[in-house]
Amino acid sequence: MPQNFVIRFVSVLAFVLVLAALVIHFLFSGETTVVLWIFTFPIILAVPILISVFLAKDQELGVSVHQ
């Protein structure tokens, strides 16, 4: 995988993970914390994947484009 794509993915993943952790920690009680982590985990992974794919260029991914 190209370095720019990986750096973008990891930085967005870290941002979303920290944001989710802060929201769950400060806005919800201790009883619902585990359930919220289980329900938000797919969203935490989906957001960085989608953002990285949408922002990726063909040259970054090594895709040859025939014109």
PDB file of N, CA and C in Angstrom:
ATOM      1  N   MET A   1       0.837  -1.182   0.000  1.00  0.00           N
ATOM      2  CA  MET A   1       0.000   0.000   0.000  1.00  0.00           C
ATOM      3  C   MET A   1       0.879   1.243   0.000  1.00  0.00           C
ATOM      4  N   PRO A   2       0.462   2.235  -0.725  1.00  0.00           N
ATOM      5  CA  PRO A   2       1.220   3.486  -0.746  1.00  0.00           C
ATOM      6  C   PRO A   2       1.222   4.176   0.622  1.00  0.00           C
ATOM      7  N   GLN A   3       2.296   4.866   0.860  1.00  0.00           N
ATOM      8  CA  GLN A   3       2.500   5.480   2.166  1.00  0.00           C
ATOM      9  C   GLN A   3       1.474   6.570   2.464  1.00  0.00           C
ATOM     10  N   ASN A   4       1.114   7.398   1.485  1.00  0.00           N
ATOM     11  CA  ASN A   4       0.145   8.473   1.726  1.00  0.00           C
ATOM     12  C   ASN A   4      -1.216   7.921   2.125  1.00  0.00           C
ATOM     13  N   PHE A   5      -1.627   6.841   1.484  1.00  0.00           N
ATOM     14  CA  PHE A   5      -2.915   6.232   1.793  1.00  0.00           C
ATOM     15  C   PHE A   5      -2.930   5.698   3.225  1.00  0.00           C
ATOM     16  N   VAL A   6      -1.859   5.041   3.625  1.00  0.00           N
ATOM     17  CA  VAL A   6      -1.777   4.464   4.966  1.00  0.00           C
ATOM     18  C   VAL A   6      -1.733   5.557   6.021  1.00  0.00           C
ATOM     19  N   ILE A   7      -0.967   6.604   5.773  1.00  0.00           N
ATOM     20  CA  ILE A   7      -0.884   7.712   6.729  1.00  0.00           C
ATOM     21  C   ILE A   7      -2.244   8.381   6.884  1.00  0.00           C
ATOM     22  N   ARG A   8      -2.939   8.598   5.785  1.00  0.00           N
ATOM     23  CA  ARG A   8      -4.271   9.205   5.846  1.00  0.00           C
ATOM     24  C   ARG A   8      -5.236   8.313   6.624  1.00  0.00           C
ATOM     25  N   PHE A   9      -5.212   7.016   6.350  1.00  0.00           N
ATOM     26  CA  PHE A   9      -6.108   6.084   7.031  1.00  0.00           C
ATOM     27  C   PHE A   9      -5.848   6.056   8.534  1.00  0.00           C
ATOM     28  N   VAL A  10      -4.585   5.954   8.926  1.00  0.00           N
ATOM     29  CA  VAL A  10      -4.246   5.870  10.349  1.00  0.00           C
ATOM     30  C   VAL A  10      -4.578   7.167  11.071  1.00  0.00           C
ATOM     31  N   SER A  11      -4.344   8.306  10.440  1.00  0.00           N
ATOM     32  CA  SER A  11      -4.648   9.576  11.104  1.00  0.00           C
ATOM     33  C   SER A  11      -6.149   9.766  11.275  1.00  0.00           C
ATOM     34  N   VAL A  12      -6.938   9.413  10.279  1.00  0.00           N
ATOM     35  CA  VAL A  12      -8.396   9.520  10.414  1.00  0.00           C
ATOM     36  C   VAL A  12      -8.904   8.512  11.436  1.00  0.00           C
ATOM     37  N   LEU A  13      -8.348   7.304  11.443  1.00  0.00           N
ATOM     38  CA  LEU A  13      -8.746   6.291  12.418  1.00  0.00           C
ATOM     39  C   LEU A  13      -8.446   6.751  13.839  1.00  0.00           C
ATOM     40  N   ALA A  14      -7.270   7.317  14.064  1.00  0.00           N
ATOM     41  CA  ALA A  14      -6.910   7.803  15.396  1.00  0.00           C
ATOM     42  C   ALA A  14      -7.832   8.933  15.830  1.00  0.00           C
ATOM     43  N   PHE A  15      -8.141   9.853  14.915  1.00  0.00           N
ATOM     44  CA  PHE A  15      -9.033  10.959  15.249  1.00  0.00           C
ATOM     45  C   PHE A  15     -10.424  10.457  15.616  1.00  0.00           C
ATOM     46  N   VAL A  16     -10.972   9.552  14.821  1.00  0.00           N
ATOM     47  CA  VAL A  16     -12.317   9.030  15.085  1.00  0.00           C
ATOM     48  C   VAL A  16     -12.334   8.221  16.376  1.00  0.00           C
ATOM     49  N   LEU A  17     -11.287   7.460  16.636  1.00  0.00           N
ATOM     50  CA  LEU A  17     -11.215   6.658  17.848  1.00  0.00           C
ATOM     51  C   LEU A  17     -11.145   7.534  19.098  1.00  0.00           C
ATOM     52  N   VAL A  18     -10.328   8.567  19.059  1.00  0.00           N
ATOM     53  CA  VAL A  18     -10.232   9.486  20.198  1.00  0.00           C
ATOM     54  C   VAL A  18     -11.544  10.232  20.401  1.00  0.00           C
ATOM     55  N   LEU A  19     -12.153  10.682  19.324  1.00  0.00           N
ATOM     56  CA  LEU A  19     -13.432  11.383  19.424  1.00  0.00           C
ATOM     57  C   LEU A  19     -14.514  10.479  20.009  1.00  0.00           C
ATOM     58  N   ALA A  20     -14.591   9.245  19.550  1.00  0.00           N
ATOM     59  CA  ALA A  20     -15.582   8.305  20.078  1.00  0.00           C
ATOM     60  C   ALA A  20     -15.320   8.005  21.549  1.00  0.00           C
ATOM     61  N   ALA A  21     -14.059   7.846  21.915  1.00  0.00           N
ATOM     62  CA  ALA A  21     -13.726   7.566  23.311  1.00  0.00           C
ATOM     63  C   ALA A  21     -14.127   8.717  24.222  1.00  0.00           C
ATOM     64  N   LEU A  22     -13.861   9.937  23.793  1.00  0.00           N
ATOM     65  CA  LEU A  22     -14.240  11.094  24.605  1.00  0.00           C
ATOM     66  C   LEU A  22     -15.749  11.226  24.731  1.00  0.00           C
ATOM     67  N   VAL A  23     -16.456  11.029  23.640  1.00  0.00           N
ATOM     68  CA  VAL A  23     -17.920  11.137  23.672  1.00  0.00           C
ATOM     69  C   VAL A  23     -18.512  10.063  24.568  1.00  0.00           C
ATOM     70  N   ILE A  24     -18.067   8.835  24.421  1.00  0.00           N
ATOM     71  CA  ILE A  24     -18.612   7.744  25.239  1.00  0.00           C
ATOM     72  C   ILE A  24     -18.252   7.934  26.707  1.00  0.00           C
ATOM     73  N   HIS A  25     -17.048   8.380  26.978  1.00  0.00           N
ATOM     74  CA  HIS A  25     -16.617   8.535  28.367  1.00  0.00           C
ATOM     75  C   HIS A  25     -17.368   9.651  29.095  1.00  0.00           C
ATOM     76  N   PHE A  26     -17.551  10.781  28.436  1.00  0.00           N
ATOM     77  CA  PHE A  26     -18.114  11.930  29.126  1.00  0.00           C
ATOM     78  C   PHE A  26     -19.629  12.064  29.013  1.00  0.00           C
ATOM     79  N   LEU A  27     -20.245  11.465  28.028  1.00  0.00           N
ATOM     80  CA  LEU A  27     -21.679  11.667  27.834  1.00  0.00           C
ATOM     81  C   LEU A  27     -22.554  10.506  28.293  1.00  0.00           C
ATOM     82  N   PHE A  28     -21.967   9.362  28.598  1.00  0.00           N
ATOM     83  CA  PHE A  28     -22.779   8.206  28.954  1.00  0.00           C
ATOM     84  C   PHE A  28     -22.307   7.607  30.264  1.00  0.00           C
ATOM     85  N   SER A  29     -23.230   6.901  30.944  1.00  0.00           N
ATOM     86  CA  SER A  29     -22.902   6.294  32.231  1.00  0.00           C
ATOM     87  C   SER A  29     -22.077   5.027  32.027  1.00  0.00           C
ATOM     88  N   GLY A  30     -21.535   4.517  33.112  1.00  0.00           N
ATOM     89  CA  GLY A  30     -20.683   3.344  33.046  1.00  0.00           C
ATOM     90  C   GLY A  30     -21.406   2.077  32.638  1.00  0.00           C
ATOM     91  N   GLU A  31     -22.711   2.027  32.852  1.00  0.00           N
ATOM     92  CA  GLU A  31     -23.469   0.818  32.535  1.00  0.00           C
ATOM     93  C   GLU A  31     -23.584   0.586  31.033  1.00  0.00           C
ATOM     94  N   THR A  32     -23.640   1.642  30.264  1.00  0.00           N
ATOM     95  CA  THR A  32     -23.855   1.505  28.824  1.00  0.00           C
ATOM     96  C   THR A  32     -22.572   1.620  28.007  1.00  0.00           C
ATOM     97  N   THR A  33     -21.443   1.758  28.669  1.00  0.00           N
ATOM     98  CA  THR A  33     -20.186   1.985  27.960  1.00  0.00           C
ATOM     99  C   THR A  33     -19.815   0.822  27.038  1.00  0.00           C
ATOM    100  N   VAL A  34     -19.898  -0.394  27.532  1.00  0.00           N
ATOM    101  CA  VAL A  34     -19.512  -1.557  26.725  1.00  0.00           C
ATOM    102  C   VAL A  34     -20.443  -1.721  25.534  1.00  0.00           C
ATOM    103  N   VAL A  35     -21.723  -1.526  25.764  1.00  0.00           N
ATOM    104  CA  VAL A  35     -22.699  -1.655  24.679  1.00  0.00           C
ATOM    105  C   VAL A  35     -22.451  -0.589  23.615  1.00  0.00           C
ATOM    106  N   LEU A  36     -22.151   0.619  24.031  1.00  0.00           N
ATOM    107  CA  LEU A  36     -21.871   1.681  23.064  1.00  0.00           C
ATOM    108  C   LEU A  36     -20.605   1.401  22.263  1.00  0.00           C
ATOM    109  N   TRP A  37     -19.566   0.873  22.909  1.00  0.00           N
ATOM    110  CA  TRP A  37     -18.353   0.518  22.169  1.00  0.00           C
ATOM    111  C   TRP A  37     -18.646  -0.557  21.133  1.00  0.00           C
ATOM    112  N   ILE A  38     -19.483  -1.526  21.487  1.00  0.00           N
ATOM    113  CA  ILE A  38     -19.827  -2.595  20.541  1.00  0.00           C
ATOM    114  C   ILE A  38     -20.601  -2.034  19.356  1.00  0.00           C
ATOM    115  N   PHE A  39     -21.553  -1.144  19.620  1.00  0.00           N
ATOM    116  CA  PHE A  39     -22.364  -0.593  18.533  1.00  0.00           C
ATOM    117  C   PHE A  39     -21.613   0.427  17.681  1.00  0.00           C
ATOM    118  N   THR A  40     -20.683   1.155  18.260  1.00  0.00           N
ATOM    119  CA  THR A  40     -19.974   2.176  17.485  1.00  0.00           C
ATOM    120  C   THR A  40     -18.721   1.651  16.792  1.00  0.00           C
ATOM    121  N   PHE A  41     -18.282   0.447  17.128  1.00  0.00           N
ATOM    122  CA  PHE A  41     -17.058  -0.087  16.521  1.00  0.00           C
ATOM    123  C   PHE A  41     -17.134  -0.187  14.999  1.00  0.00           C
ATOM    124  N   PRO A  42     -18.240  -0.662  14.409  1.00  0.00           N
ATOM    125  CA  PRO A  42     -18.311  -0.665  12.940  1.00  0.00           C
ATOM    126  C   PRO A  42     -18.235   0.739  12.340  1.00  0.00           C
ATOM    127  N   ILE A  43     -18.817   1.717  13.011  1.00  0.00           N
ATOM    128  CA  ILE A  43     -18.764   3.097  12.525  1.00  0.00           C
ATOM    129  C   ILE A  43     -17.343   3.638  12.646  1.00  0.00           C
ATOM    130  N   ILE A  44     -16.679   3.307  13.754  1.00  0.00           N
ATOM    131  CA  ILE A  44     -15.307   3.763  13.963  1.00  0.00           C
ATOM    132  C   ILE A  44     -14.390   3.241  12.859  1.00  0.00           C
ATOM    133  N   LEU A  45     -14.623   2.032  12.386  1.00  0.00           N
ATOM    134  CA  LEU A  45     -13.799   1.482  11.313  1.00  0.00           C
ATOM    135  C   LEU A  45     -14.260   1.928   9.930  1.00  0.00           C
ATOM    136  N   ALA A  46     -15.550   2.127   9.754  1.00  0.00           N
ATOM    137  CA  ALA A  46     -16.080   2.468   8.428  1.00  0.00           C
ATOM    138  C   ALA A  46     -15.708   3.883   8.000  1.00  0.00           C
ATOM    139  N   VAL A  47     -15.723   4.819   8.919  1.00  0.00           N
ATOM    140  CA  VAL A  47     -15.453   6.218   8.567  1.00  0.00           C
ATOM    141  C   VAL A  47     -14.049   6.393   7.984  1.00  0.00           C
ATOM    142  N   PRO A  48     -12.988   5.907   8.623  1.00  0.00           N
ATOM    143  CA  PRO A  48     -11.655   6.070   8.021  1.00  0.00           C
ATOM    144  C   PRO A  48     -11.495   5.335   6.694  1.00  0.00           C
ATOM    145  N   ILE A  49     -12.110   4.166   6.580  1.00  0.00           N
ATOM    146  CA  ILE A  49     -12.015   3.427   5.322  1.00  0.00           C
ATOM    147  C   ILE A  49     -12.655   4.223   4.195  1.00  0.00           C
ATOM    148  N   LEU A  50     -13.868   4.713   4.416  1.00  0.00           N
ATOM    149  CA  LEU A  50     -14.569   5.455   3.370  1.00  0.00           C
ATOM    150  C   LEU A  50     -13.865   6.761   3.022  1.00  0.00           C
ATOM    151  N   ILE A  51     -13.410   7.496   4.028  1.00  0.00           N
ATOM    152  CA  ILE A  51     -12.722   8.762   3.764  1.00  0.00           C
ATOM    153  C   ILE A  51     -11.425   8.516   2.997  1.00  0.00           C
ATOM    154  N   SER A  52     -10.662   7.508   3.383  1.00  0.00           N
ATOM    155  CA  SER A  52      -9.400   7.219   2.700  1.00  0.00           C
ATOM    156  C   SER A  52      -9.621   6.788   1.258  1.00  0.00           C
ATOM    157  N   VAL A  53     -10.645   6.002   1.016  1.00  0.00           N
ATOM    158  CA  VAL A  53     -10.920   5.549  -0.346  1.00  0.00           C
ATOM    159  C   VAL A  53     -11.426   6.696  -1.206  1.00  0.00           C
ATOM    160  N   PHE A  54     -12.309   7.532  -0.666  1.00  0.00           N
ATOM    161  CA  PHE A  54     -12.841   8.648  -1.451  1.00  0.00           C
ATOM    162  C   PHE A  54     -11.773   9.685  -1.775  1.00  0.00           C
ATOM    163  N   LEU A  55     -10.806   9.878  -0.894  1.00  0.00           N
ATOM    164  CA  LEU A  55      -9.762  10.876  -1.123  1.00  0.00           C
ATOM    165  C   LEU A  55      -8.558  10.325  -1.887  1.00  0.00           C
ATOM    166  N   ALA A  56      -8.513   9.031  -2.095  1.00  0.00           N
ATOM    167  CA  ALA A  56      -7.375   8.417  -2.787  1.00  0.00           C
ATOM    168  C   ALA A  56      -7.409   8.736  -4.275  1.00  0.00           C
ATOM    169  N   LYS A  57      -6.231   8.931  -4.818  1.00  0.00           N
ATOM    170  CA  LYS A  57      -6.083   9.163  -6.252  1.00  0.00           C
ATOM    171  C   LYS A  57      -5.570   7.879  -6.889  1.00  0.00           C
ATOM    172  N   ASP A  58      -5.746   7.758  -8.186  1.00  0.00           N
ATOM    173  CA  ASP A  58      -5.297   6.558  -8.884  1.00  0.00           C
ATOM    174  C   ASP A  58      -3.787   6.367  -8.762  1.00  0.00           C
ATOM    175  N   GLN A  59      -3.031   7.452  -8.783  1.00  0.00           N
ATOM    176  CA  GLN A  59      -1.580   7.357  -8.688  1.00  0.00           C
ATOM    177  C   GLN A  59      -1.150   6.845  -7.306  1.00  0.00           C
ATOM    178  N   GLU A  60      -1.891   7.213  -6.259  1.00  0.00           N
ATOM    179  CA  GLU A  60      -1.566   6.749  -4.912  1.00  0.00           C
ATOM    180  C   GLU A  60      -1.709   5.245  -4.786  1.00  0.00           C
ATOM    181  N   LEU A  61      -2.733   4.707  -5.396  1.00  0.00           N
ATOM    182  CA  LEU A  61      -3.014   3.284  -5.265  1.00  0.00           C
ATOM    183  C   LEU A  61      -2.311   2.440  -6.313  1.00  0.00           C
ATOM    184  N   GLY A  62      -1.617   3.078  -7.232  1.00  0.00           N
ATOM    185  CA  GLY A  62      -0.897   2.350  -8.260  1.00  0.00           C
ATOM    186  C   GLY A  62      -1.790   1.786  -9.347  1.00  0.00           C
ATOM    187  N   VAL A  63      -2.938   2.403  -9.566  1.00  0.00           N
ATOM    188  CA  VAL A  63      -3.869   1.953 -10.598  1.00  0.00           C
ATOM    189  C   VAL A  63      -3.489   2.620 -11.907  1.00  0.00           C
ATOM    190  N   SER A  64      -3.338   1.829 -12.948  1.00  0.00           N
ATOM    191  CA  SER A  64      -3.008   2.415 -14.247  1.00  0.00           C
ATOM    192  C   SER A  64      -4.299   2.792 -14.967  1.00  0.00           C
ATOM    193  N   VAL A  65      -4.336   4.015 -15.457  1.00  0.00           N
ATOM    194  CA  VAL A  65      -5.514   4.519 -16.160  1.00  0.00           C
ATOM    195  C   VAL A  65      -5.155   4.668 -17.629  1.00  0.00           C
ATOM    196  N   HIS A  66      -5.892   3.994 -18.485  1.00  0.00           N
ATOM    197  CA  HIS A  66      -5.654   4.082 -19.927  1.00  0.00           C
ATOM    198  C   HIS A  66      -6.511   5.194 -20.501  1.00  0.00           C
ATOM    199  N   GLN A  67      -5.863   6.091 -21.216  1.00  0.00           N
ATOM    200  CA  GLN A  67      -6.611   7.208 -21.808  1.00  0.00           C
ATOM    201  C   GLN A  67      -6.568   7.130 -23.307  1.00  0.00           C
TER     202      GLN A  67
END
